[in-house]
Amino acid sequence: MRRATPLYCLSLFVIVTACAPAGIPDQAVPAAQNAPYPELVPLETVLAGQATADLSTETSDKLRARAAALRARAARLRAQNGG
């Protein structure tokens, strides 16, 4: 496989960016153009509000049964296709 040279990468970047429409910022609705910039918050703050996944025994058993059924289906498909 051929290595990507810096000149090749630069050429590809120029070609891709040249294909982008020039009027994208003008197409925004006025309400979006005049909206205040969103507040930046640390990732830990965002993640702190997320509920933790609580797998009960029933949920865990259902998940294991579903995984076993999917593995069995995959085995049937492999056998059917000669794989």
Protein backbone atom coordinates (compact mmCIF):
# COMPACT_ATOMS: atom_id res chain seq x y z
CA MET A 1 0.00 0.00 0.00
CA ARG A 2 1.27 3.45 -0.89
CA ARG A 3 2.08 5.85 1.94
CA ALA A 4 0.15 9.10 2.02
CA THR A 5 2.61 11.90 1.45
CA PRO A 6 2.07 15.36 2.92
CA LEU A 7 1.53 16.77 -0.58
CA TYR A 8 -1.13 14.13 -1.28
CA CYS A 9 -2.89 14.90 2.02
CA LEU A 10 -2.79 18.63 1.35
CA SER A 11 -4.18 18.14 -2.15
CA LEU A 12 -6.99 15.98 -0.82
CA PHE A 13 -7.81 18.59 1.84
CA VAL A 14 -7.95 21.38 -0.76
CA ILE A 15 -10.18 19.35 -3.07
CA VAL A 16 -12.61 18.43 -0.30
CA THR A 17 -12.85 21.97 1.08
CA ALA A 18 -13.29 23.43 -2.39
CA CYS A 19 -16.44 21.34 -2.79
CA ALA A 20 -18.09 22.88 0.28
CA PRO A 21 -20.79 25.45 -0.44
CA ALA A 22 -19.61 28.96 0.36
CA GLY A 23 -22.93 30.31 1.67
CA ILE A 24 -23.42 28.10 4.70
CA PRO A 25 -23.19 30.89 7.34
CA ASP A 26 -25.66 33.02 5.37
CA GLN A 27 -28.23 30.24 5.39
CA ALA A 28 -28.64 30.30 9.16
CA VAL A 29 -31.94 31.68 10.40
CA PRO A 30 -31.70 35.09 12.10
CA ALA A 31 -32.68 33.63 15.46
CA ALA A 32 -29.68 31.30 15.32
CA GLN A 33 -27.35 34.08 14.18
CA ASN A 34 -28.43 36.29 17.09
CA ALA A 35 -28.48 33.54 19.74
CA PRO A 36 -26.01 33.80 22.60
CA TYR A 37 -23.04 31.43 22.61
CA PRO A 38 -23.81 28.32 24.70
CA GLU A 39 -22.21 28.04 28.10
CA LEU A 40 -19.24 25.69 28.20
CA VAL A 41 -19.28 23.29 31.14
CA PRO A 42 -16.86 20.58 32.23
CA LEU A 43 -17.63 17.05 31.05
CA GLU A 44 -17.84 15.82 34.64
CA THR A 45 -20.76 18.19 35.23
CA VAL A 46 -22.62 16.83 32.23
CA LEU A 47 -21.98 13.21 33.16
CA ALA A 48 -22.99 13.77 36.78
CA GLY A 49 -26.59 14.32 35.71
CA GLN A 50 -26.78 10.98 33.87
CA ALA A 51 -28.52 8.07 35.49
CA THR A 52 -26.31 5.10 36.21
CA ALA A 53 -27.13 1.82 34.52
CA ASP A 54 -28.61 -0.52 37.07
CA LEU A 55 -28.87 -4.08 35.81
CA SER A 56 -31.20 -6.10 37.94
CA THR A 57 -31.06 -9.88 37.95
CA GLU A 58 -34.10 -9.99 35.67
CA THR A 59 -32.57 -7.53 33.19
CA SER A 60 -29.26 -9.37 33.29
CA ASP A 61 -30.97 -12.71 32.61
CA LYS A 62 -32.92 -11.24 29.69
CA LEU A 63 -29.75 -9.77 28.24
CA ARG A 64 -27.92 -13.10 28.53
CA ALA A 65 -30.84 -14.94 26.90
CA ARG A 66 -30.93 -12.46 24.04
CA ALA A 67 -27.17 -12.76 23.55
CA ALA A 68 -27.45 -16.56 23.47
CA ALA A 69 -30.29 -16.36 20.91
CA LEU A 70 -28.20 -14.02 18.73
CA ARG A 71 -25.20 -16.35 18.93
CA ALA A 72 -27.39 -19.31 17.95
CA ARG A 73 -28.81 -17.35 15.02
CA ALA A 74 -25.31 -16.40 13.90
CA ALA A 75 -24.26 -20.06 14.06
CA ARG A 76 -27.30 -21.06 11.95
CA LEU A 77 -26.51 -18.38 9.37
CA ARG A 78 -22.86 -19.49 9.22
CA ALA A 79 -23.92 -23.10 8.73
CA GLN A 80 -26.45 -22.10 6.07
CA ASN A 81 -23.88 -20.05 4.12
CA GLY A 82 -21.14 -22.64 4.46
CA GLY A 83 -18.97 -20.42 6.62
